[in-house]
Every structure is written in C-alpha cells, then in structure tokens.
Protein backbone atom coordinates (compact mmCIF):
# COMPACT_ATOMS: atom_id res chain seq x y z
CA MET A 1 89.98 100.26 120.14
CA SER A 2 91.48 103.35 118.79
CA THR A 3 90.29 104.19 115.28
CA ALA A 4 93.08 104.53 112.27
CA ALA A 5 92.85 108.60 112.56
CA GLU A 6 93.33 108.54 116.36
CA GLN A 7 96.29 106.03 116.07
CA ILE A 8 98.51 108.53 113.56
CA GLY A 9 97.37 111.44 115.35
CA LEU A 10 94.99 112.79 112.41
CA GLY A 11 92.31 113.98 114.92
CA ALA A 12 88.59 114.37 113.77
CA TYR A 13 87.68 115.72 110.24
CA PRO A 14 87.87 119.40 110.43
CA SER A 15 84.68 121.19 110.27
CA GLU A 16 85.97 123.89 108.58
CA TRP A 17 86.92 121.72 105.19
CA ARG A 18 84.00 122.57 102.78
CA HIS A 19 85.75 121.63 99.53
CA ARG A 20 84.33 118.43 97.29
CA HIS A 21 86.74 119.44 94.57
CA LEU A 22 90.51 120.78 94.35
CA LEU A 23 90.57 122.23 90.87
CA GLY A 24 93.63 125.16 92.26
CA LEU A 25 95.25 127.01 94.92
CA GLU A 26 93.55 130.01 93.87
CA GLU A 27 90.23 129.50 94.78
CA LEU A 28 91.66 128.38 98.52
CA SER A 29 92.30 130.54 101.57
CA ALA A 30 95.65 130.65 103.46
CA ASP A 31 93.63 129.03 106.02
CA GLU A 32 92.48 125.88 104.15
CA ILE A 33 96.19 125.59 102.35
CA THR A 34 97.48 125.51 105.96
CA LEU A 35 95.38 123.00 106.96
CA ILE A 36 96.07 120.74 104.20
CA LEU A 37 99.71 121.37 104.93
CA ASP A 38 98.91 120.33 108.40
CA LYS A 39 97.47 117.25 107.98
CA ALA A 40 100.23 116.02 105.06
CA GLU A 41 102.75 116.61 107.84
CA VAL A 42 100.71 113.79 110.26
CA PHE A 43 100.44 111.45 107.11
CA LYS A 44 103.92 111.76 106.42
CA ARG A 45 105.07 111.49 110.33
CA ALA A 46 102.82 108.26 110.15
CA ILE A 47 104.36 106.97 106.95
CA LEU A 48 107.76 107.20 108.80
CA GLN A 49 106.69 105.69 111.93
CA GLY A 50 105.93 102.95 109.64
CA HIS A 51 102.23 102.71 108.94
CA ARG A 52 102.35 101.77 105.59
CA ARG A 53 98.42 101.08 105.41
CA ILE A 54 96.15 103.88 107.29
CA PRO A 55 92.68 102.41 106.04
CA LEU A 56 90.72 105.90 106.15
CA LEU A 57 89.19 105.59 103.02
CA ASN A 58 88.09 101.40 102.32
CA ASP A 59 85.07 102.75 101.32
CA ILE A 60 86.22 105.17 98.03
CA THR A 61 87.15 104.54 94.70
CA CYS A 62 90.12 106.98 93.18
CA VAL A 63 90.88 106.55 88.96
CA THR A 64 93.97 108.78 87.76
CA LEU A 65 92.55 110.12 84.66
CA PHE A 66 95.53 111.30 82.80
CA PHE A 67 95.70 112.24 79.17
CA GLU A 68 99.29 113.45 79.47
CA ASN A 69 102.36 111.71 80.48
CA SER A 70 103.29 111.50 83.76
CA THR A 71 105.83 109.36 86.43
CA ARG A 72 105.93 111.25 89.98
CA THR A 73 102.20 112.79 89.97
CA ARG A 74 100.62 109.44 88.72
CA ILE A 75 102.25 106.91 91.23
CA SER A 76 102.13 109.19 94.12
CA PHE A 77 98.27 109.93 93.58
CA SER A 78 97.79 106.09 93.24
CA LEU A 79 99.99 105.45 96.20
CA ALA A 80 98.48 107.60 98.42
CA ALA A 81 95.24 106.06 97.57
CA ARG A 82 96.42 102.88 98.14
CA ARG A 83 97.97 103.71 101.82
CA LEU A 84 94.44 104.86 102.42
CA GLY A 85 92.81 101.66 101.20
CA ALA A 86 91.19 103.25 98.40
CA ASP A 87 90.98 101.13 95.34
CA SER A 88 92.92 102.75 92.89
CA ILE A 89 92.46 102.60 89.09
CA ASP A 90 94.78 103.91 86.49
CA PHE A 91 93.58 104.77 82.97
CA SER A 92 94.81 105.03 80.13
CA ALA A 93 94.13 107.50 77.12
CA SER A 94 96.16 105.89 74.79
CA THR A 95 94.37 102.53 74.86
CA SER A 96 90.61 104.06 75.50
CA SER A 97 87.44 104.73 73.70
CA LEU A 98 88.69 108.13 73.31
CA SER A 99 90.31 106.88 69.86
CA LYS A 100 86.76 106.00 68.55
CA GLY A 101 85.47 109.72 69.19
CA GLU A 102 84.36 109.43 72.61
CA THR A 103 84.17 112.90 74.87
CA VAL A 104 86.17 113.40 78.01
CA ILE A 105 82.98 114.22 79.51
CA ASP A 106 81.20 111.14 78.50
CA THR A 107 84.80 108.71 79.54
CA ALA A 108 84.65 110.06 83.01
CA LYS A 109 80.63 109.87 83.40
CA ASN A 110 81.28 106.08 82.51
CA ILE A 111 84.04 105.61 84.54
CA GLU A 112 82.15 107.13 87.21
CA ALA A 113 79.15 105.05 86.70
CA MET A 114 81.12 101.95 87.57
CA GLY A 115 81.46 103.32 91.32
CA THR A 116 84.25 105.61 91.30
CA ASP A 117 84.38 108.37 93.69
CA VAL A 118 87.20 110.57 92.90
CA VAL A 119 88.21 111.30 89.19
CA ILE A 120 92.15 112.77 89.44
CA VAL A 121 92.23 114.48 86.17
CA ARG A 122 95.29 115.85 84.09
CA HIS A 123 94.82 117.28 80.62
CA ARG A 124 96.55 119.67 78.53
CA THR A 125 93.46 121.72 78.16
CA PRO A 126 92.98 124.71 81.00
CA GLY A 127 89.70 124.30 82.80
CA THR A 128 89.00 120.58 82.01
CA PRO A 129 88.85 119.57 85.34
CA HIS A 130 86.76 122.50 86.18
CA LEU A 131 84.27 121.20 83.02
CA LEU A 132 84.43 117.40 85.15
CA ALA A 133 83.50 118.91 88.30
CA GLN A 134 80.42 120.33 86.85
CA ASN A 135 79.47 117.27 85.20
CA LEU A 136 79.99 114.68 87.70
CA ARG A 137 79.04 113.56 91.22
CA ALA A 138 82.39 112.25 92.15
CA SER A 139 85.38 114.59 93.34
CA VAL A 140 87.37 115.99 90.69
CA VAL A 141 91.43 116.83 91.62
CA ASN A 142 93.16 118.71 89.38
CA ALA A 143 96.82 117.13 88.76
CA GLY A 144 97.70 119.46 85.91
CA ASP A 145 95.45 121.02 83.43
CA GLY A 146 97.71 122.58 80.92
CA PRO A 147 99.80 126.12 81.96
CA HIS A 148 96.53 126.83 84.31
CA GLU A 149 97.12 125.07 87.58
CA HIS A 150 98.91 121.93 89.42
CA PRO A 151 97.86 122.48 92.72
CA THR A 152 98.84 119.65 94.60
CA GLN A 153 102.66 120.46 93.11
CA GLY A 154 102.19 123.65 94.69
CA LEU A 155 101.38 122.53 98.03
CA LEU A 156 104.04 119.62 98.13
CA ASP A 157 106.74 122.45 96.94
CA ILE A 158 105.41 125.17 100.00
CA MET A 159 105.13 121.67 101.97
CA THR A 160 108.97 121.17 101.46
CA ILE A 161 109.98 124.91 101.83
CA ARG A 162 107.75 124.76 105.04
CA GLU A 163 109.43 121.78 106.73
CA ARG A 164 113.44 123.21 105.86
CA ARG A 165 112.68 126.71 106.91
CA GLY A 166 110.20 126.48 109.38
CA HIS A 167 108.02 128.96 107.74
CA VAL A 168 106.93 130.32 104.56
CA GLU A 169 106.14 134.03 105.67
CA GLY A 170 108.81 136.53 104.91
CA LEU A 171 110.88 134.65 102.58
CA THR A 172 111.63 135.54 99.35
CA VAL A 173 111.21 132.38 97.05
CA ALA A 174 112.16 132.70 93.28
CA LEU A 175 110.08 130.60 90.35
CA VAL A 176 112.77 130.40 87.57
CA GLY A 177 112.47 129.37 83.88
CA ASP A 178 109.58 128.76 81.74
CA ILE A 179 107.29 130.57 83.47
CA ALA A 180 104.66 131.46 81.02
CA HIS A 181 103.64 127.52 80.28
CA SER A 182 104.00 126.40 83.92
CA ARG A 183 101.47 125.37 85.73
CA THR A 184 103.19 124.79 88.94
CA ALA A 185 104.25 128.38 88.55
CA ARG A 186 100.62 129.53 89.34
CA SER A 187 99.91 127.30 91.94
CA ASN A 188 103.05 128.41 93.55
CA ILE A 189 102.35 132.11 93.13
CA TRP A 190 98.78 131.43 94.76
CA GLY A 191 99.95 129.56 97.64
CA LEU A 192 103.35 131.38 98.47
CA LYS A 193 101.38 134.64 98.13
CA LYS A 194 98.87 133.36 100.78
CA LEU A 195 101.18 132.50 102.88
CA GLY A 196 103.02 135.79 103.10
CA ALA A 197 106.11 134.79 100.87
CA HIS A 198 107.92 137.30 98.66
CA VAL A 199 107.89 135.52 94.73
CA ILE A 200 110.16 136.73 91.99
CA VAL A 201 109.66 135.19 88.63
CA CYS A 202 112.87 135.03 86.25
CA GLY A 203 113.75 133.94 82.97
CA PRO A 204 114.02 135.03 79.44
CA SER A 205 111.96 137.66 78.15
CA THR A 206 110.10 135.65 76.00
CA LEU A 207 108.94 133.45 78.91
CA VAL A 208 108.74 136.14 81.86
CA SER A 209 106.28 138.98 80.57
CA PRO A 210 105.64 142.14 82.90
CA ARG A 211 102.29 141.50 83.00
CA TRP A 212 103.50 138.88 86.14
CA LYS A 213 103.07 142.26 88.15
CA GLU A 214 99.51 141.75 88.08
CA LEU A 215 99.64 139.01 89.97
CA GLY A 216 101.48 140.73 92.94
CA VAL A 217 104.93 139.10 92.03
CA GLU A 218 108.19 140.68 90.84
CA TYR A 219 109.68 139.65 87.97
CA SER A 220 113.49 139.42 86.36
CA TRP A 221 115.43 138.60 83.09
CA SER A 222 118.52 138.39 85.15
CA LEU A 223 119.11 135.52 87.47
CA ASP A 224 122.38 136.41 88.85
CA GLU A 225 120.91 139.95 89.78
CA ILE A 226 118.24 138.25 92.18
CA LEU A 227 120.36 135.01 93.33
CA PRO A 228 121.86 137.33 96.16
CA ARG A 229 118.42 138.11 98.12
CA VAL A 230 116.66 134.84 97.44
CA ASP A 231 116.04 132.09 100.34
CA VAL A 232 114.35 129.43 98.12
CA LEU A 233 114.74 129.03 93.94
CA ASN A 234 112.59 126.35 92.43
CA LEU A 235 113.81 125.50 89.17
CA LEU A 236 111.34 124.86 86.68
CA ARG A 237 111.62 122.52 83.31
CA ILE A 238 111.25 124.31 79.86
CA GLN A 239 108.39 122.91 78.14
CA PHE A 240 108.95 122.69 74.75
CA GLU A 241 105.70 120.51 74.13
CA ARG A 242 103.64 123.21 74.72
CA GLN A 243 105.48 125.81 72.45
CA TYR A 244 105.57 126.49 69.06
CA GLY A 245 108.51 128.08 68.66
CA ARG A 246 111.82 128.21 70.28
CA PRO A 247 111.91 130.80 73.09
CA PHE A 248 115.97 131.13 72.72
CA PRO A 249 118.44 130.42 70.23
CA SER A 250 119.58 127.39 72.35
CA VAL A 251 119.68 125.30 75.45
CA ARG A 252 123.04 126.06 75.75
CA GLU A 253 122.60 129.93 75.42
CA TYR A 254 119.71 129.33 78.09
CA ALA A 255 121.88 127.04 80.24
CA HIS A 256 124.95 129.67 80.31
CA LEU A 257 122.07 132.06 81.50
CA TYR A 258 119.86 130.38 83.86
CA ALA A 259 121.70 127.28 84.86
CA MET A 260 122.06 126.74 88.78
CA ASN A 261 125.33 125.57 88.91
CA ALA A 262 128.43 125.61 91.76
CA GLU A 263 129.42 129.09 90.43
CA ARG A 264 126.02 130.53 90.88
CA LEU A 265 125.27 128.67 94.17
CA ALA A 266 128.50 130.56 95.98
CA LYS A 267 126.59 133.62 95.55
CA THR A 268 123.76 132.84 97.39
CA LYS A 269 122.67 132.95 100.78
CA ASP A 270 124.69 130.16 103.06
CA ASP A 271 120.87 128.25 103.38
CA ILE A 272 119.38 128.71 100.26
CA LEU A 273 116.97 126.05 99.66
CA ILE A 274 117.08 124.45 95.74
CA LEU A 275 113.90 122.75 94.46
CA ALA A 276 113.17 121.40 91.24
CA PRO A 277 109.27 119.85 90.43
CA GLY A 278 110.68 117.45 87.80
CA PRO A 279 112.04 115.79 85.89
CA ILE A 280 114.63 117.87 85.97
CA ASN A 281 117.20 117.75 82.76
CA ARG A 282 120.68 118.08 84.78
CA GLY A 283 122.76 120.63 82.78
CA VAL A 284 119.97 122.74 81.73
CA GLU A 285 117.94 123.98 84.98
CA LEU A 286 120.82 122.64 87.22
CA THR A 287 124.02 120.76 87.14
CA PRO A 288 124.21 117.63 88.49
CA ASP A 289 126.56 118.66 91.65
CA VAL A 290 123.93 121.30 92.81
CA ALA A 291 120.64 118.79 91.78
CA ASP A 292 122.79 116.29 94.25
CA GLY A 293 124.20 118.50 96.65
CA SER A 294 123.31 119.69 100.27
CA HIS A 295 120.96 122.64 99.47
CA SER A 296 118.83 120.33 97.40
CA ALA A 297 115.30 118.98 98.30
CA ILE A 298 114.34 117.73 95.01
CA LEU A 299 113.51 113.89 97.02
CA GLU A 300 111.97 115.54 99.64
CA GLN A 301 109.73 116.77 97.11
CA VAL A 302 108.53 113.54 95.74
CA THR A 303 108.39 112.08 99.02
CA ASN A 304 106.16 115.03 100.51
CA GLY A 305 103.67 114.56 97.09
CA VAL A 306 102.58 111.66 98.59
CA ALA A 307 102.00 112.75 102.02
CA VAL A 308 100.29 115.90 100.50
CA ARG A 309 97.73 113.34 98.31
CA MET A 310 96.99 111.32 101.16
CA ALA A 311 95.98 114.92 102.57
CA VAL A 312 93.98 116.17 100.07
CA LEU A 313 92.09 112.67 99.07
CA TRP A 314 91.38 112.34 102.86
CA LEU A 315 89.82 115.68 103.04
CA LEU A 316 88.01 115.71 99.84
CA SER A 317 86.42 112.03 100.35
CA GLY A 318 85.33 113.35 103.87
CA ALA A 319 83.54 116.43 102.00
CA ALA A 320 82.10 114.08 99.93
CA ARG A 321 80.52 111.81 102.00
CA ASP A 322 79.06 115.29 104.44
CA LYS A 323 77.20 116.03 101.02
CA ARG A 324 75.61 112.84 100.08
C-alpha cells in the first residue's frame, strides 16, 4: 500500500532541510526557499486533484498563538494543519490568562505542556517568535512579528509570481506603500533578492527611506516613474495601527499618488502582475477594476497561502522528529 506522500508525489522527506523553526526568510538560503516552494506546489496540485485530507501529520498538534487580529493567515494555517491530519487549536489572547498578568513565554509553555508540537505565533513585538523558539521544545512558526517579518506571506507572494511568470530571477518587483511598517515587505525583499529579482520599494518619503538601499534594493518616491519597467507590483496596506502620526496629509492624497488604477495600468507592461497581501482597501491601494481584473492574482495568493503553510508544517515537523 502506498503512503500518502507517495500518492500525491511528494517524495521522501528532504534530508537537506534541517530547520526546526521558521522565523524569517532572512535566515534561509535560496535553495531552502526553493525547496519550500517546490513542496507547496505539490500540495497545491494534490488539493486541486481532490485530496482534501493528506494524513502526513496525524500525530502532530498545532496551535495558532495570535496576539493580533488575522483572517487569512490564521484560517489558512488552521486549514493547512487539518488537511495534513494534524490537530489544530486556535488561541484567543483576549480571553486568556494574559489578562491576569501571565507572560507570553509562560502562556506558550503551558500550551506546550498540553502536548503541542508546533506553535504558530503572531505578535506586535518584533522578535517574539525568536524568544519563544529559545524557550520551547516545540517548533515555532513566525506568522508576523510587528514590522519585522512575515515569512509565509513572503513565500506565498513569491510562489504566485513563480506560477504566473514561470520564474523569479531577472524580474523587477515593486513593493508599494507602507514600507516602513511592513513585515511583508521585509520578507519579500529577503526572498526575492535571494532568488535573483530586482526589488524596488516605493511610497511617500515618510514611509520609504533612502536607507533601504542598504538591503540592496532600489527606492523611489514616484510610482508613475517606475511603472513602465516593473514586472510585478505588490501593493501594501497603509498600517495606521503601527503609526503614531499620519505620514501624509490625507488618504485621498495618498490614493492620488499611489493607488493602482486603470490610468496607471495603461502605463505598465502588457503582462504586469498585480499582488496585494490583504486586507485590501479598495480605492486606496488599488481601485476595484484593478483588484478584480485579469492582471490581479490576489485570490491566487490566498489559495497559495494554504499550500505554502502545508509545506512549512510538513518540513518543520519532519525536522523536529529527527531531533527528538
């Protein structure tokens, strides 16, 4: 009888993967990023072929330890775990003992003591997943730590680019919007550059500093100037919840200068690819006709998010077993 992995063409567990945690794309090599993307494609193909349950992690329990609101990331991690046969537990910070003074580390340790194998954490403070990784035996997945990194979002964005364009190397990818506060931007920068893309960060001067050049990217304060040479546009949300003041006079002015609309779309390459990590604010980052148009791959990103997270959970759980 063939195994579940053989049935979907997953192959043997890759010996070259040795990470027990996924804390960011900065720490991964190009080969390791490619490995995750390759396995995600296998999982996506299996799902599209009707494999709704792939029992590879029947003995694993995952918890989504989210201290910030989430729709896509939380649900897709839970769905990814269940599709792999794992138990999935959702944690709500608002109704937990944190309100009684319990620390994040003690909360995570208590959840681990109940038999949790994977802790998927989102927190507003950068470095929180790294702190938990130092204090837990369980595998830790960074689902977003403040403005630092959001590795699975970066991976699903890159997977979508690779599917639509066939490659990443040599493409010019522009990240547009609130670069200063965006963990998605940072993960995209690390991943895209390692795979050979040219990255431009673009937005108001209050949100895009010339210091971004230190990461090896180009910066621009004018979307209209860079549009003709861009292959992929990733339109990021303005994160007012992380700001202590308004970085521009009004949302209307921001939309006038940076919203992707039909007029700007006409200035781009014929095969321009439009991405947005969500949640999107229609009329601010992009207009409805662009969001729902043929160049948009926004819903494909959401679909790919489940496949990427399945690949990550499978790889990390295998590494954790090897180190038991």
